[in-house]
Amino acid sequence: MSLGLAIAVVLASVAVPAVFATPGDKPAVAVPVPGPVTIAILAATMAAGVACAWTAWPLWAAIPLSALASASLWAELPRWRWLAGAA
């Protein structure tokens, strides 16, 4: 995997959620999108991070990352429920 591609992926995973947001979820919204779109962006970012970790990292590093992603998902559920209603 190239360093340039890795940098591009990290920048995209930060920039996309920063630009596209649901009104009321963040103080400033550059491009307003419905709540389900925000959920899809966040879920895709988490899933891609976990998938890449299992592909590129050793097992001892991928397991804790997967646990952290699961904990993050659990912590995000109330927000995602609110976003699901913010269509």
C-alpha atoms as a PDB file:
ATOM      1  CA  MET A   1       0.000   0.000   0.000  1.00  0.00           C
ATOM      2  CA  SER A   2       1.381   3.368  -0.911  1.00  0.00           C
ATOM      3  CA  LEU A   3       1.968   6.159   1.571  1.00  0.00           C
ATOM      4  CA  GLY A   4       0.101   8.597  -0.670  1.00  0.00           C
ATOM      5  CA  LEU A   5      -3.011   6.425  -0.691  1.00  0.00           C
ATOM      6  CA  ALA A   6      -2.868   6.030   3.091  1.00  0.00           C
ATOM      7  CA  ILE A   7      -2.648   9.802   3.546  1.00  0.00           C
ATOM      8  CA  ALA A   8      -5.547  10.372   1.121  1.00  0.00           C
ATOM      9  CA  VAL A   9      -7.744   7.898   2.989  1.00  0.00           C
ATOM     10  CA  VAL A  10      -7.028   9.527   6.351  1.00  0.00           C
ATOM     11  CA  LEU A  11      -7.755  12.989   4.947  1.00  0.00           C
ATOM     12  CA  ALA A  12     -11.013  11.776   3.373  1.00  0.00           C
ATOM     13  CA  SER A  13     -12.132  10.097   6.586  1.00  0.00           C
ATOM     14  CA  VAL A  14     -11.675  13.402   8.413  1.00  0.00           C
ATOM     15  CA  ALA A  15     -12.873  15.792   5.699  1.00  0.00           C
ATOM     16  CA  VAL A  16     -16.097  14.073   4.619  1.00  0.00           C
ATOM     17  CA  PRO A  17     -17.750  14.084   8.089  1.00  0.00           C
ATOM     18  CA  ALA A  18     -16.496  17.638   8.642  1.00  0.00           C
ATOM     19  CA  VAL A  19     -18.067  18.949   5.436  1.00  0.00           C
ATOM     20  CA  PHE A  20     -21.309  16.933   5.276  1.00  0.00           C
ATOM     21  CA  ALA A  21     -23.402  17.156   8.445  1.00  0.00           C
ATOM     22  CA  THR A  22     -26.973  17.189   9.671  1.00  0.00           C
ATOM     23  CA  PRO A  23     -28.256  20.597  10.812  1.00  0.00           C
ATOM     24  CA  GLY A  24     -28.572  20.613  14.584  1.00  0.00           C
ATOM     25  CA  ASP A  25     -25.880  17.959  15.023  1.00  0.00           C
ATOM     26  CA  LYS A  26     -22.961  20.385  14.788  1.00  0.00           C
ATOM     27  CA  PRO A  27     -22.726  24.133  15.393  1.00  0.00           C
ATOM     28  CA  ALA A  28     -21.627  24.884  11.806  1.00  0.00           C
ATOM     29  CA  VAL A  29     -22.741  22.866   8.793  1.00  0.00           C
ATOM     30  CA  ALA A  30     -21.015  23.409   5.437  1.00  0.00           C
ATOM     31  CA  VAL A  31     -23.187  21.030   3.383  1.00  0.00           C
ATOM     32  CA  PRO A  32     -26.446  20.000   5.076  1.00  0.00           C
ATOM     33  CA  VAL A  33     -27.487  16.361   4.649  1.00  0.00           C
ATOM     34  CA  PRO A  34     -30.285  14.283   6.216  1.00  0.00           C
ATOM     35  CA  GLY A  35     -29.528  12.327   9.390  1.00  0.00           C
ATOM     36  CA  PRO A  36     -29.385   8.925   7.663  1.00  0.00           C
ATOM     37  CA  VAL A  37     -26.638  10.235   5.353  1.00  0.00           C
ATOM     38  CA  THR A  38     -24.590  11.309   8.371  1.00  0.00           C
ATOM     39  CA  ILE A  39     -25.107   7.858   9.911  1.00  0.00           C
ATOM     40  CA  ALA A  40     -23.979   6.206   6.659  1.00  0.00           C
ATOM     41  CA  ILE A  41     -20.844   8.381   6.512  1.00  0.00           C
ATOM     42  CA  LEU A  42     -19.920   7.587  10.116  1.00  0.00           C
ATOM     43  CA  ALA A  43     -20.669   3.863   9.784  1.00  0.00           C
ATOM     44  CA  ALA A  44     -18.668   3.616   6.559  1.00  0.00           C
ATOM     45  CA  THR A  45     -15.712   5.374   8.180  1.00  0.00           C
ATOM     46  CA  MET A  46     -15.778   2.982  11.147  1.00  0.00           C
ATOM     47  CA  ALA A  47     -16.223  -0.095   8.966  1.00  0.00           C
ATOM     48  CA  ALA A  48     -13.394   0.944   6.650  1.00  0.00           C
ATOM     49  CA  GLY A  49     -11.081   1.538   9.588  1.00  0.00           C
ATOM     50  CA  VAL A  50     -11.794  -1.888  11.057  1.00  0.00           C
ATOM     51  CA  ALA A  51     -11.501  -3.633   7.683  1.00  0.00           C
ATOM     52  CA  CYS A  52      -8.196  -1.929   6.923  1.00  0.00           C
ATOM     53  CA  ALA A  53      -6.841  -2.768  10.369  1.00  0.00           C
ATOM     54  CA  TRP A  54      -7.621  -6.455   9.865  1.00  0.00           C
ATOM     55  CA  THR A  55      -6.008  -6.309   6.432  1.00  0.00           C
ATOM     56  CA  ALA A  56      -2.859  -4.339   7.228  1.00  0.00           C
ATOM     57  CA  TRP A  57      -2.165  -4.745  10.928  1.00  0.00           C
ATOM     58  CA  PRO A  58      -1.081  -7.722  13.011  1.00  0.00           C
ATOM     59  CA  LEU A  59      -3.752  -9.537  14.997  1.00  0.00           C
ATOM     60  CA  TRP A  60      -2.610  -8.055  18.321  1.00  0.00           C
ATOM     61  CA  ALA A  61      -3.319  -4.555  16.978  1.00  0.00           C
ATOM     62  CA  ALA A  62      -6.510  -5.268  14.996  1.00  0.00           C
ATOM     63  CA  ILE A  63      -8.341  -6.805  17.963  1.00  0.00           C
ATOM     64  CA  PRO A  64      -8.090  -3.739  20.253  1.00  0.00           C
ATOM     65  CA  LEU A  65      -9.037  -1.438  17.380  1.00  0.00           C
ATOM     66  CA  SER A  66     -12.122  -3.554  16.728  1.00  0.00           C
ATOM     67  CA  ALA A  67     -13.020  -3.368  20.425  1.00  0.00           C
ATOM     68  CA  LEU A  68     -12.624   0.422  20.376  1.00  0.00           C
ATOM     69  CA  ALA A  69     -14.775   0.683  17.244  1.00  0.00           C
ATOM     70  CA  SER A  70     -17.463  -1.432  18.928  1.00  0.00           C
ATOM     71  CA  ALA A  71     -17.351   0.769  22.022  1.00  0.00           C
ATOM     72  CA  SER A  72     -17.580   3.857  19.825  1.00  0.00           C
ATOM     73  CA  LEU A  73     -20.575   2.409  18.005  1.00  0.00           C
ATOM     74  CA  TRP A  74     -22.270   1.683  21.325  1.00  0.00           C
ATOM     75  CA  ALA A  75     -21.566   5.217  22.547  1.00  0.00           C
ATOM     76  CA  GLU A  76     -22.890   6.703  19.275  1.00  0.00           C
ATOM     77  CA  LEU A  77     -26.264   4.890  19.402  1.00  0.00           C
ATOM     78  CA  PRO A  78     -28.223   7.692  21.139  1.00  0.00           C
ATOM     79  CA  ARG A  79     -26.876  10.208  18.646  1.00  0.00           C
ATOM     80  CA  TRP A  80     -27.629   7.881  15.728  1.00  0.00           C
ATOM     81  CA  ARG A  81     -31.190   7.415  16.987  1.00  0.00           C
ATOM     82  CA  TRP A  82     -31.574  11.197  17.004  1.00  0.00           C
ATOM     83  CA  LEU A  83     -30.012  11.448  13.538  1.00  0.00           C
ATOM     84  CA  ALA A  84     -32.342   8.747  12.202  1.00  0.00           C
ATOM     85  CA  GLY A  85     -35.257  10.985  13.146  1.00  0.00           C
ATOM     86  CA  ALA A  86     -33.614  14.083  11.665  1.00  0.00           C
ATOM     87  CA  ALA A  87     -34.489  13.307   8.061  1.00  0.00           C
END
